[in-house]
Amino acid sequence: MKRFTILVAGYCAIGAVVAPALVRPAPRLVWNASASVPIGLYAARSPDGMRRGDLVAAHAPAAVARLMAERGYLPLRVPMLKHVAATAGQTVCRSGARVSIDGTPVAEARSQDRIGRPLPVWSGCWTLLGGEVLLLNSASADSFDGRYFGPVPARSITAILTPLWLPGTAGEAPEAARTSGQPAPNPETKGPSR
């Protein structure tokens, strides 16, 4: 019996050492060095309860991730930081360069990146289904986001981010720092902005 107990304890010890190497926990802190959202340190928490307006870490669809890596926008397997601009039930459209949500223009797409390479284009309108989101940093005209690749699966979101420290925001109230990146579009507003 003693030998069996030692054997079980040994397997448990090995499992305790090996398991953390096999299971990759989500990072708890994220440093953002990109200008598309405020540069700084963010706390990451579970994406459960994600809402429109939240700043999130998300993995781009495979083809988009490859394009971003090839062009030097973002390395492979590094999540992008974007705001959730639209969720299930909202209608998102791209007509020409204009991106709108529920009829309200929210962003303009560019035809080329900073060095003249053509940017992806999607067009048309669709109502997001459950499990779909539009990720957009409309406060940053240069952000490579949903204005170029359209809606993505909500399951691509790995964390909701909350700013902990943003250089240059010293003295601001936490809520001011939290919302300094981008206001979420108002779903109550229909039609073009005036």
N, C-alpha and C. Protein backbone atom coordinates (compact mmCIF):
# COMPACT_ATOMS: atom_id res chain seq x y z
N MET A 1 0.83 -1.19 0.00
CA MET A 1 0.00 0.00 0.00
C MET A 1 0.87 1.25 0.00
N LYS A 2 1.97 1.21 0.76
CA LYS A 2 2.84 2.37 0.84
C LYS A 2 3.45 2.68 -0.52
N ARG A 3 3.81 1.63 -1.25
CA ARG A 3 4.39 1.81 -2.58
C ARG A 3 3.38 2.48 -3.52
N PHE A 4 2.13 2.07 -3.43
CA PHE A 4 1.07 2.66 -4.26
C PHE A 4 0.91 4.15 -3.94
N THR A 5 0.94 4.50 -2.66
CA THR A 5 0.80 5.90 -2.24
C THR A 5 1.95 6.74 -2.78
N ILE A 6 3.15 6.22 -2.72
CA ILE A 6 4.32 6.93 -3.23
C ILE A 6 4.20 7.12 -4.74
N LEU A 7 3.75 6.09 -5.44
CA LEU A 7 3.57 6.16 -6.88
C LEU A 7 2.53 7.22 -7.26
N VAL A 8 1.40 7.24 -6.57
CA VAL A 8 0.35 8.23 -6.85
C VAL A 8 0.88 9.63 -6.55
N ALA A 9 1.57 9.79 -5.43
CA ALA A 9 2.12 11.11 -5.07
C ALA A 9 3.13 11.56 -6.12
N GLY A 10 3.93 10.63 -6.62
CA GLY A 10 4.90 10.97 -7.67
C GLY A 10 4.23 11.44 -8.94
N TYR A 11 3.18 10.73 -9.38
CA TYR A 11 2.44 11.15 -10.58
C TYR A 11 1.79 12.52 -10.38
N CYS A 12 1.26 12.75 -9.19
CA CYS A 12 0.64 14.06 -8.90
C CYS A 12 1.69 15.17 -8.96
N ALA A 13 2.87 14.92 -8.41
CA ALA A 13 3.93 15.92 -8.43
C ALA A 13 4.37 16.22 -9.86
N ILE A 14 4.53 15.17 -10.66
CA ILE A 14 4.90 15.38 -12.07
C ILE A 14 3.81 16.16 -12.79
N GLY A 15 2.57 15.80 -12.54
CA GLY A 15 1.45 16.53 -13.16
C GLY A 15 1.44 17.99 -12.76
N ALA A 16 1.73 18.28 -11.50
CA ALA A 16 1.74 19.67 -11.03
C ALA A 16 2.84 20.48 -11.70
N VAL A 17 3.94 19.84 -12.05
CA VAL A 17 5.04 20.54 -12.71
C VAL A 17 4.77 20.69 -14.21
N VAL A 18 4.22 19.67 -14.83
CA VAL A 18 4.01 19.67 -16.28
C VAL A 18 2.76 20.45 -16.70
N ALA A 19 1.70 20.40 -15.93
CA ALA A 19 0.43 21.02 -16.31
C ALA A 19 0.56 22.50 -16.66
N PRO A 20 1.27 23.32 -15.87
CA PRO A 20 1.37 24.73 -16.24
C PRO A 20 2.05 24.96 -17.60
N ALA A 21 2.95 24.05 -17.98
CA ALA A 21 3.59 24.19 -19.28
C ALA A 21 2.64 23.85 -20.42
N LEU A 22 1.66 23.01 -20.16
CA LEU A 22 0.72 22.60 -21.20
C LEU A 22 -0.48 23.54 -21.32
N VAL A 23 -0.85 24.17 -20.24
CA VAL A 23 -1.99 25.07 -20.23
C VAL A 23 -1.45 26.49 -20.24
N ARG A 24 -1.85 27.28 -21.25
CA ARG A 24 -1.36 28.65 -21.37
C ARG A 24 -2.41 29.60 -20.80
N PRO A 25 -2.21 30.06 -19.57
CA PRO A 25 -3.19 30.98 -18.99
C PRO A 25 -3.16 32.33 -19.73
N ALA A 26 -4.30 32.99 -19.74
CA ALA A 26 -4.38 34.31 -20.37
C ALA A 26 -3.50 35.29 -19.60
N PRO A 27 -2.83 36.19 -20.31
CA PRO A 27 -2.01 37.16 -19.59
C PRO A 27 -2.88 38.07 -18.72
N ARG A 28 -2.36 38.47 -17.61
CA ARG A 28 -3.11 39.32 -16.70
C ARG A 28 -2.79 40.80 -16.92
N LEU A 29 -1.63 41.09 -17.49
CA LEU A 29 -1.23 42.46 -17.80
C LEU A 29 -0.85 42.54 -19.27
N VAL A 30 -1.20 43.65 -19.90
CA VAL A 30 -0.88 43.86 -21.31
C VAL A 30 -0.26 45.24 -21.45
N TRP A 31 0.90 45.30 -22.12
CA TRP A 31 1.51 46.58 -22.44
C TRP A 31 1.18 46.89 -23.90
N ASN A 32 0.61 48.05 -24.15
CA ASN A 32 0.31 48.47 -25.52
C ASN A 32 1.31 49.53 -25.94
N ALA A 33 2.01 49.27 -27.06
CA ALA A 33 2.95 50.23 -27.61
C ALA A 33 2.43 50.81 -28.92
N SER A 34 1.25 50.40 -29.35
CA SER A 34 0.64 50.87 -30.59
C SER A 34 -0.09 52.18 -30.36
N ALA A 35 -0.12 53.01 -31.39
CA ALA A 35 -0.80 54.31 -31.25
C ALA A 35 -2.30 54.22 -31.50
N SER A 36 -2.82 53.04 -31.86
CA SER A 36 -4.25 52.96 -32.18
C SER A 36 -5.14 53.01 -30.94
N VAL A 37 -4.60 52.71 -29.78
CA VAL A 37 -5.26 52.96 -28.49
C VAL A 37 -4.19 53.58 -27.60
N PRO A 38 -4.55 54.25 -26.52
CA PRO A 38 -3.54 54.92 -25.70
C PRO A 38 -2.43 53.96 -25.26
N ILE A 39 -1.19 54.41 -25.42
CA ILE A 39 -0.03 53.63 -25.01
C ILE A 39 -0.05 53.51 -23.50
N GLY A 40 0.23 52.29 -23.01
CA GLY A 40 0.28 52.10 -21.56
C GLY A 40 0.06 50.68 -21.12
N LEU A 41 -0.15 50.53 -19.83
CA LEU A 41 -0.31 49.23 -19.18
C LEU A 41 -1.79 49.00 -18.89
N TYR A 42 -2.28 47.82 -19.27
CA TYR A 42 -3.69 47.47 -19.11
C TYR A 42 -3.82 46.18 -18.31
N ALA A 43 -4.85 46.11 -17.50
CA ALA A 43 -5.22 44.86 -16.82
C ALA A 43 -6.13 44.09 -17.76
N ALA A 44 -5.90 42.79 -17.86
CA ALA A 44 -6.72 41.93 -18.72
C ALA A 44 -7.58 41.04 -17.85
N ARG A 45 -8.87 40.95 -18.21
CA ARG A 45 -9.77 40.05 -17.48
C ARG A 45 -10.56 39.23 -18.50
N SER A 46 -11.27 38.28 -18.02
CA SER A 46 -12.05 37.37 -18.87
C SER A 46 -12.96 38.15 -19.82
N PRO A 47 -13.13 37.65 -21.05
CA PRO A 47 -14.04 38.32 -21.98
C PRO A 47 -15.52 38.08 -21.68
N ASP A 48 -15.81 37.27 -20.66
CA ASP A 48 -17.21 37.06 -20.28
C ASP A 48 -17.83 38.40 -19.90
N GLY A 49 -19.00 38.65 -20.40
CA GLY A 49 -19.68 39.91 -20.11
C GLY A 49 -19.24 41.06 -21.00
N MET A 50 -18.50 40.76 -22.07
CA MET A 50 -18.04 41.78 -22.99
C MET A 50 -19.22 42.57 -23.54
N ARG A 51 -19.07 43.89 -23.65
CA ARG A 51 -20.15 44.76 -24.14
C ARG A 51 -19.60 45.72 -25.20
N ARG A 52 -20.52 46.31 -25.91
CA ARG A 52 -20.15 47.33 -26.88
C ARG A 52 -19.45 48.46 -26.15
N GLY A 53 -18.37 48.94 -26.72
CA GLY A 53 -17.58 50.01 -26.11
C GLY A 53 -16.37 49.51 -25.35
N ASP A 54 -16.34 48.22 -24.98
CA ASP A 54 -15.20 47.68 -24.24
C ASP A 54 -13.95 47.68 -25.12
N LEU A 55 -12.81 47.95 -24.50
CA LEU A 55 -11.52 47.76 -25.14
C LEU A 55 -11.14 46.31 -24.91
N VAL A 56 -10.78 45.60 -25.99
CA VAL A 56 -10.51 44.17 -25.88
C VAL A 56 -9.20 43.80 -26.57
N ALA A 57 -8.66 42.67 -26.17
CA ALA A 57 -7.57 42.02 -26.88
C ALA A 57 -8.23 40.91 -27.69
N ALA A 58 -7.88 40.84 -28.98
CA ALA A 58 -8.51 39.84 -29.85
C ALA A 58 -7.50 39.35 -30.87
N HIS A 59 -7.66 38.09 -31.25
CA HIS A 59 -6.83 37.54 -32.32
C HIS A 59 -7.54 37.78 -33.64
N ALA A 60 -6.79 38.26 -34.60
CA ALA A 60 -7.33 38.52 -35.93
C ALA A 60 -7.60 37.19 -36.64
N PRO A 61 -8.57 37.16 -37.57
CA PRO A 61 -8.75 35.97 -38.40
C PRO A 61 -7.42 35.64 -39.09
N ALA A 62 -7.20 34.36 -39.40
CA ALA A 62 -5.90 33.89 -39.90
C ALA A 62 -5.37 34.70 -41.08
N ALA A 63 -6.20 34.93 -42.10
CA ALA A 63 -5.73 35.67 -43.28
C ALA A 63 -5.35 37.10 -42.93
N VAL A 64 -6.12 37.72 -42.04
CA VAL A 64 -5.84 39.09 -41.61
C VAL A 64 -4.55 39.12 -40.79
N ALA A 65 -4.38 38.14 -39.90
CA ALA A 65 -3.17 38.06 -39.07
C ALA A 65 -1.93 37.91 -39.94
N ARG A 66 -2.03 37.09 -40.99
CA ARG A 66 -0.89 36.92 -41.90
C ARG A 66 -0.55 38.23 -42.61
N LEU A 67 -1.58 38.93 -43.09
CA LEU A 67 -1.37 40.20 -43.77
C LEU A 67 -0.73 41.22 -42.81
N MET A 68 -1.22 41.28 -41.59
CA MET A 68 -0.67 42.22 -40.61
C MET A 68 0.80 41.90 -40.32
N ALA A 69 1.14 40.62 -40.23
CA ALA A 69 2.52 40.23 -39.97
C ALA A 69 3.41 40.53 -41.18
N GLU A 70 2.93 40.20 -42.38
CA GLU A 70 3.71 40.45 -43.59
C GLU A 70 4.03 41.93 -43.76
N ARG A 71 3.10 42.78 -43.38
CA ARG A 71 3.28 44.22 -43.56
C ARG A 71 3.92 44.90 -42.35
N GLY A 72 4.17 44.14 -41.31
CA GLY A 72 4.81 44.71 -40.13
C GLY A 72 3.87 45.49 -39.23
N TYR A 73 2.56 45.30 -39.38
CA TYR A 73 1.60 45.98 -38.51
C TYR A 73 1.60 45.36 -37.12
N LEU A 74 1.62 44.03 -37.06
CA LEU A 74 1.53 43.31 -35.79
C LEU A 74 2.08 41.90 -36.00
N PRO A 75 2.97 41.41 -35.13
CA PRO A 75 3.50 40.06 -35.29
C PRO A 75 2.40 39.00 -35.15
N LEU A 76 2.64 37.84 -35.76
CA LEU A 76 1.71 36.72 -35.63
C LEU A 76 1.54 36.35 -34.16
N ARG A 77 0.37 35.92 -33.79
CA ARG A 77 0.01 35.45 -32.45
C ARG A 77 0.03 36.54 -31.38
N VAL A 78 0.19 37.79 -31.79
CA VAL A 78 0.07 38.90 -30.84
C VAL A 78 -1.34 39.46 -31.01
N PRO A 79 -2.12 39.54 -29.94
CA PRO A 79 -3.50 40.04 -30.10
C PRO A 79 -3.52 41.53 -30.43
N MET A 80 -4.53 41.90 -31.20
CA MET A 80 -4.74 43.32 -31.50
C MET A 80 -5.62 43.90 -30.40
N LEU A 81 -5.47 45.19 -30.14
CA LEU A 81 -6.28 45.87 -29.12
C LEU A 81 -7.26 46.78 -29.85
N LYS A 82 -8.53 46.49 -29.69
CA LYS A 82 -9.58 47.22 -30.41
C LYS A 82 -10.78 47.42 -29.49
N HIS A 83 -11.63 48.36 -29.87
CA HIS A 83 -12.89 48.56 -29.15
C HIS A 83 -13.99 47.75 -29.83
N VAL A 84 -14.90 47.24 -29.04
CA VAL A 84 -16.07 46.55 -29.58
C VAL A 84 -17.04 47.65 -30.00
N ALA A 85 -17.20 47.83 -31.31
CA ALA A 85 -18.03 48.91 -31.83
C ALA A 85 -19.46 48.46 -32.09
N ALA A 86 -19.66 47.18 -32.41
CA ALA A 86 -21.01 46.68 -32.70
C ALA A 86 -21.10 45.23 -32.26
N THR A 87 -22.29 44.84 -31.81
CA THR A 87 -22.54 43.48 -31.35
C THR A 87 -23.81 42.94 -32.01
N ALA A 88 -24.21 41.75 -31.61
CA ALA A 88 -25.37 41.07 -32.20
C ALA A 88 -26.58 41.98 -32.30
N GLY A 89 -27.22 41.94 -33.47
CA GLY A 89 -28.43 42.71 -33.71
C GLY A 89 -28.18 44.06 -34.35
N GLN A 90 -26.94 44.53 -34.33
CA GLN A 90 -26.65 45.81 -34.96
C GLN A 90 -26.28 45.60 -36.42
N THR A 91 -26.61 46.58 -37.26
CA THR A 91 -26.31 46.50 -38.69
C THR A 91 -25.05 47.30 -38.98
N VAL A 92 -24.07 46.63 -39.57
CA VAL A 92 -22.81 47.29 -39.93
C VAL A 92 -22.72 47.35 -41.45
N CYS A 93 -22.23 48.47 -41.95
CA CYS A 93 -22.13 48.68 -43.40
C CYS A 93 -20.81 49.32 -43.74
N ARG A 94 -20.33 49.00 -44.94
CA ARG A 94 -19.24 49.76 -45.54
C ARG A 94 -19.68 50.07 -46.95
N SER A 95 -19.73 51.35 -47.26
CA SER A 95 -20.08 51.83 -48.58
C SER A 95 -18.99 52.79 -49.00
N GLY A 96 -18.21 52.40 -50.00
CA GLY A 96 -17.04 53.20 -50.35
C GLY A 96 -16.08 53.16 -49.17
N ALA A 97 -15.69 54.32 -48.70
CA ALA A 97 -14.78 54.40 -47.56
C ALA A 97 -15.52 54.51 -46.23
N ARG A 98 -16.81 54.76 -46.27
CA ARG A 98 -17.57 55.02 -45.04
C ARG A 98 -18.02 53.73 -44.37
N VAL A 99 -17.76 53.64 -43.07
CA VAL A 99 -18.24 52.53 -42.24
C VAL A 99 -19.31 53.10 -41.32
N SER A 100 -20.45 52.42 -41.27
CA SER A 100 -21.53 52.89 -40.40
C SER A 100 -22.08 51.74 -39.57
N ILE A 101 -22.66 52.11 -38.44
CA ILE A 101 -23.33 51.16 -37.55
C ILE A 101 -24.73 51.69 -37.33
N ASP A 102 -25.72 50.87 -37.67
CA ASP A 102 -27.12 51.27 -37.53
C ASP A 102 -27.40 52.61 -38.20
N GLY A 103 -26.77 52.82 -39.36
CA GLY A 103 -27.00 54.04 -40.14
C GLY A 103 -26.17 55.24 -39.73
N THR A 104 -25.42 55.15 -38.66
CA THR A 104 -24.59 56.27 -38.20
C THR A 104 -23.15 56.07 -38.65
N PRO A 105 -22.59 57.00 -39.43
CA PRO A 105 -21.19 56.88 -39.82
C PRO A 105 -20.28 56.90 -38.59
N VAL A 106 -19.35 55.94 -38.53
CA VAL A 106 -18.46 55.85 -37.37
C VAL A 106 -16.99 55.90 -37.74
N ALA A 107 -16.65 55.65 -39.01
CA ALA A 107 -15.24 55.65 -39.40
C ALA A 107 -15.13 55.78 -40.91
N GLU A 108 -13.97 56.24 -41.35
CA GLU A 108 -13.63 56.29 -42.77
C GLU A 108 -12.44 55.37 -42.99
N ALA A 109 -12.52 54.56 -44.02
CA ALA A 109 -11.41 53.68 -44.38
C ALA A 109 -10.51 54.40 -45.38
N ARG A 110 -9.27 54.05 -45.38
CA ARG A 110 -8.31 54.59 -46.35
C ARG A 110 -8.12 53.56 -47.44
N SER A 111 -7.68 54.01 -48.60
CA SER A 111 -7.45 53.07 -49.70
C SER A 111 -6.06 52.46 -49.64
N GLN A 112 -5.12 53.17 -48.99
CA GLN A 112 -3.74 52.71 -48.91
C GLN A 112 -3.21 52.93 -47.50
N ASP A 113 -2.20 52.13 -47.14
CA ASP A 113 -1.55 52.37 -45.85
C ASP A 113 -0.53 53.50 -46.00
N ARG A 114 0.23 53.78 -44.96
CA ARG A 114 1.15 54.92 -44.95
C ARG A 114 2.22 54.86 -46.03
N ILE A 115 2.55 53.66 -46.50
CA ILE A 115 3.59 53.58 -47.53
C ILE A 115 3.01 53.21 -48.89
N GLY A 116 1.73 53.39 -49.07
CA GLY A 116 1.11 53.26 -50.38
C GLY A 116 0.61 51.88 -50.77
N ARG A 117 0.62 50.92 -49.86
CA ARG A 117 0.11 49.59 -50.19
C ARG A 117 -1.41 49.59 -50.06
N PRO A 118 -2.10 48.91 -51.00
CA PRO A 118 -3.57 48.89 -50.93
C PRO A 118 -4.05 48.17 -49.67
N LEU A 119 -5.12 48.69 -49.10
CA LEU A 119 -5.73 48.08 -47.91
C LEU A 119 -6.93 47.24 -48.32
N PRO A 120 -7.23 46.19 -47.56
CA PRO A 120 -8.39 45.34 -47.89
C PRO A 120 -9.69 46.15 -47.88
N VAL A 121 -10.62 45.69 -48.70
CA VAL A 121 -11.92 46.36 -48.81
C VAL A 121 -13.01 45.31 -48.65
N TRP A 122 -14.02 45.62 -47.85
CA TRP A 122 -15.24 44.83 -47.82
C TRP A 122 -16.36 45.83 -48.08
N SER A 123 -17.48 45.33 -48.54
CA SER A 123 -18.58 46.26 -48.80
C SER A 123 -19.91 45.56 -48.55
N GLY A 124 -20.92 46.38 -48.35
CA GLY A 124 -22.25 45.86 -48.11
C GLY A 124 -22.67 46.09 -46.68
N CYS A 125 -23.83 45.56 -46.35
CA CYS A 125 -24.40 45.69 -45.00
C CYS A 125 -24.82 44.32 -44.51
N TRP A 126 -24.68 44.08 -43.24
CA TRP A 126 -25.30 42.91 -42.64
C TRP A 126 -25.54 43.14 -41.17
N THR A 127 -26.55 42.44 -40.69
CA THR A 127 -26.89 42.50 -39.28
C THR A 127 -26.09 41.42 -38.56
N LEU A 128 -25.37 41.83 -37.53
CA LEU A 128 -24.52 40.89 -36.80
C LEU A 128 -25.37 39.85 -36.08
N LEU A 129 -24.94 38.62 -36.17
CA LEU A 129 -25.59 37.52 -35.47
C LEU A 129 -24.96 37.37 -34.09
N GLY A 130 -25.57 36.56 -33.24
CA GLY A 130 -24.96 36.25 -31.96
C GLY A 130 -23.58 35.66 -32.22
N GLY A 131 -22.60 36.08 -31.49
CA GLY A 131 -21.25 35.57 -31.69
C GLY A 131 -20.44 36.34 -32.71
N GLU A 132 -20.96 37.49 -33.19
CA GLU A 132 -20.21 38.33 -34.12
C GLU A 132 -20.06 39.72 -33.53
N VAL A 133 -18.91 40.35 -33.78
CA VAL A 133 -18.66 41.72 -33.33
C VAL A 133 -17.91 42.48 -34.41
N LEU A 134 -18.01 43.79 -34.36
CA LEU A 134 -17.18 44.65 -35.21
C LEU A 134 -16.20 45.34 -34.27
N LEU A 135 -14.91 45.16 -34.55
CA LEU A 135 -13.86 45.77 -33.74
C LEU A 135 -13.35 47.00 -34.48
N LEU A 136 -13.31 48.12 -33.78
CA LEU A 136 -13.01 49.39 -34.44
C LEU A 136 -12.39 50.36 -33.45
N ASN A 137 -11.34 51.04 -33.87
CA ASN A 137 -10.77 52.14 -33.09
C ASN A 137 -10.99 53.41 -33.88
N SER A 138 -12.20 53.90 -33.87
CA SER A 138 -12.56 55.04 -34.73
C SER A 138 -11.83 56.32 -34.37
N ALA A 139 -11.28 56.44 -33.16
CA ALA A 139 -10.53 57.63 -32.79
C ALA A 139 -9.15 57.67 -33.45
N SER A 140 -8.73 56.56 -34.03
CA SER A 140 -7.44 56.48 -34.70
C SER A 140 -7.66 56.22 -36.19
N ALA A 141 -7.41 57.24 -37.01
CA ALA A 141 -7.63 57.11 -38.45
C ALA A 141 -6.73 56.05 -39.08
N ASP A 142 -5.58 55.75 -38.44
CA ASP A 142 -4.63 54.78 -38.99
C ASP A 142 -4.84 53.36 -38.47
N SER A 143 -5.81 53.13 -37.62
CA SER A 143 -6.00 51.82 -37.03
C SER A 143 -6.41 50.80 -38.10
N PHE A 144 -5.72 49.66 -38.11
CA PHE A 144 -6.08 48.56 -39.01
C PHE A 144 -7.09 47.71 -38.25
N ASP A 145 -8.36 47.88 -38.57
CA ASP A 145 -9.43 47.29 -37.77
C ASP A 145 -10.58 46.86 -38.66
N GLY A 146 -11.77 46.74 -38.09
CA GLY A 146 -12.94 46.26 -38.82
C GLY A 146 -13.31 47.06 -40.04
N ARG A 147 -12.82 48.28 -40.15
CA ARG A 147 -13.11 49.04 -41.38
C ARG A 147 -12.47 48.38 -42.59
N TYR A 148 -11.46 47.51 -42.37
CA TYR A 148 -10.78 46.81 -43.46
C TYR A 148 -11.12 45.33 -43.53
N PHE A 149 -11.43 44.69 -42.40
CA PHE A 149 -11.69 43.25 -42.45
C PHE A 149 -13.09 42.86 -42.01
N GLY A 150 -13.93 43.83 -41.65
CA GLY A 150 -15.32 43.53 -41.31
C GLY A 150 -15.49 42.87 -39.96
N PRO A 151 -16.68 42.32 -39.70
CA PRO A 151 -16.95 41.67 -38.42
C PRO A 151 -16.10 40.41 -38.22
N VAL A 152 -15.90 40.06 -36.95
CA VAL A 152 -15.13 38.87 -36.59
C VAL A 152 -15.91 38.08 -35.54
N PRO A 153 -15.56 36.80 -35.35
CA PRO A 153 -16.22 36.02 -34.30
C PRO A 153 -15.90 36.59 -32.92
N ALA A 154 -16.89 36.68 -32.07
CA ALA A 154 -16.67 37.17 -30.70
C ALA A 154 -15.71 36.25 -29.94
N ARG A 155 -15.63 34.99 -30.33
CA ARG A 155 -14.72 34.06 -29.64
C ARG A 155 -13.25 34.42 -29.87
N SER A 156 -12.97 35.31 -30.84
CA SER A 156 -11.59 35.73 -31.06
C SER A 156 -11.11 36.69 -29.96
N ILE A 157 -12.05 37.20 -29.17
CA ILE A 157 -11.70 38.11 -28.07
C ILE A 157 -11.17 37.29 -26.91
N THR A 158 -9.96 37.63 -26.46
CA THR A 158 -9.32 36.88 -25.39
C THR A 158 -9.40 37.58 -24.04
N ALA A 159 -9.63 38.89 -24.03
CA ALA A 159 -9.67 39.61 -22.76
C ALA A 159 -10.33 40.97 -22.93
N ILE A 160 -10.91 41.46 -21.86
CA ILE A 160 -11.37 42.84 -21.77
C ILE A 160 -10.27 43.59 -21.04
N LEU A 161 -9.90 44.76 -21.53
CA LEU A 161 -8.78 45.51 -20.97
C LEU A 161 -9.25 46.75 -20.23
N THR A 162 -8.59 47.03 -19.12
CA THR A 162 -8.84 48.23 -18.34
C THR A 162 -7.50 48.92 -18.13
N PRO A 163 -7.40 50.22 -18.45
CA PRO A 163 -6.11 50.89 -18.28
C PRO A 163 -5.69 50.96 -16.82
N LEU A 164 -4.42 50.66 -16.58
CA LEU A 164 -3.84 50.80 -15.25
C LEU A 164 -2.94 52.03 -15.19
N TRP A 165 -2.12 52.20 -16.24
CA TRP A 165 -1.20 53.33 -16.30
C TRP A 165 -1.01 53.73 -17.75
N LEU A 166 -1.36 54.98 -18.04
CA LEU A 166 -1.21 55.52 -19.39
C LEU A 166 -0.31 56.74 -19.28
N PRO A 167 0.92 56.68 -19.82
CA PRO A 167 1.80 57.85 -19.74
C PRO A 167 1.09 59.08 -20.29
N GLY A 168 1.23 60.18 -19.61
CA GLY A 168 0.60 61.41 -20.08
C GLY A 168 -0.79 61.64 -19.53
N THR A 169 -1.33 60.68 -18.77
CA THR A 169 -2.66 60.87 -18.19
C THR A 169 -2.58 61.06 -16.68
N ALA A 170 -1.38 61.35 -16.17
CA ALA A 170 -1.23 61.56 -14.73
C ALA A 170 -2.18 62.66 -14.27
N GLY A 171 -2.85 62.41 -13.20
CA GLY A 171 -3.77 63.40 -12.66
C GLY A 171 -5.19 63.26 -13.19
N GLU A 172 -5.38 62.51 -14.28
CA GLU A 172 -6.74 62.30 -14.78
C GLU A 172 -7.45 61.31 -13.88
N ALA A 173 -8.73 61.48 -13.76
CA ALA A 173 -9.53 60.50 -13.03
C ALA A 173 -9.48 59.19 -13.79
N PRO A 174 -9.53 58.04 -13.11
CA PRO A 174 -9.48 56.75 -13.80
C PRO A 174 -10.51 56.64 -14.91
N GLU A 175 -11.71 57.16 -14.72
CA GLU A 175 -12.74 57.07 -15.76
C GLU A 175 -12.34 57.87 -16.99
N ALA A 176 -11.69 59.03 -16.81
CA ALA A 176 -11.24 59.82 -17.95
C ALA A 176 -10.18 59.07 -18.72
N ALA A 177 -9.25 58.42 -18.02
CA ALA A 177 -8.21 57.64 -18.69
C ALA A 177 -8.83 56.45 -19.40
N ARG A 178 -9.83 55.84 -18.80
CA ARG A 178 -10.45 54.65 -19.36
C ARG A 178 -11.17 54.96 -20.66
N THR A 179 -11.72 56.15 -20.79
CA THR A 179 -12.52 56.47 -21.97
C THR A 179 -11.81 57.38 -22.95
N SER A 180 -10.54 57.68 -22.71
CA SER A 180 -9.86 58.62 -23.59
C SER A 180 -9.56 58.05 -24.96
N GLY A 181 -9.70 56.74 -25.15
CA GLY A 181 -9.40 56.12 -26.44
C GLY A 181 -10.46 56.34 -27.49
N GLN A 182 -11.70 56.06 -27.20
CA GLN A 182 -12.75 56.15 -28.21
C GLN A 182 -14.10 56.03 -27.57
N PRO A 183 -14.99 56.94 -27.89
CA PRO A 183 -16.36 56.75 -27.42
C PRO A 183 -17.06 55.71 -28.29
N ALA A 184 -17.92 54.95 -27.69
CA ALA A 184 -18.70 53.98 -28.46
C ALA A 184 -19.83 54.69 -29.17
N PRO A 185 -20.16 54.26 -30.40
CA PRO A 185 -21.29 54.88 -31.08
C PRO A 185 -22.58 54.63 -30.32
N ASN A 186 -23.51 55.54 -30.43
CA ASN A 186 -24.79 55.43 -29.72
C ASN A 186 -25.76 54.62 -30.56
N PRO A 187 -26.20 53.45 -30.07
CA PRO A 187 -27.09 52.61 -30.87
C PRO A 187 -28.48 53.21 -31.01
N GLU A 188 -28.81 54.20 -30.19
CA GLU A 188 -30.13 54.82 -30.26
C GLU A 188 -30.24 55.76 -31.46
N THR A 189 -29.10 56.27 -31.93
CA THR A 189 -29.10 57.25 -33.00
C THR A 189 -29.23 56.54 -34.34
N LYS A 190 -30.15 56.96 -35.15
CA LYS A 190 -30.33 56.40 -36.49
C LYS A 190 -30.03 57.50 -37.49
N GLY A 191 -29.57 57.09 -38.66
CA GLY A 191 -29.34 58.05 -39.73
C GLY A 191 -27.99 58.74 -39.58
N PRO A 192 -27.64 59.57 -40.58
CA PRO A 192 -26.33 60.21 -40.57
C PRO A 192 -26.20 61.24 -39.45
N SER A 193 -24.95 61.43 -39.00
CA SER A 193 -24.68 62.44 -37.98
C SER A 193 -24.93 63.81 -38.58
N ARG A 194 -25.33 64.73 -37.75
CA ARG A 194 -25.57 66.10 -38.22
C ARG A 194 -24.47 67.00 -37.74
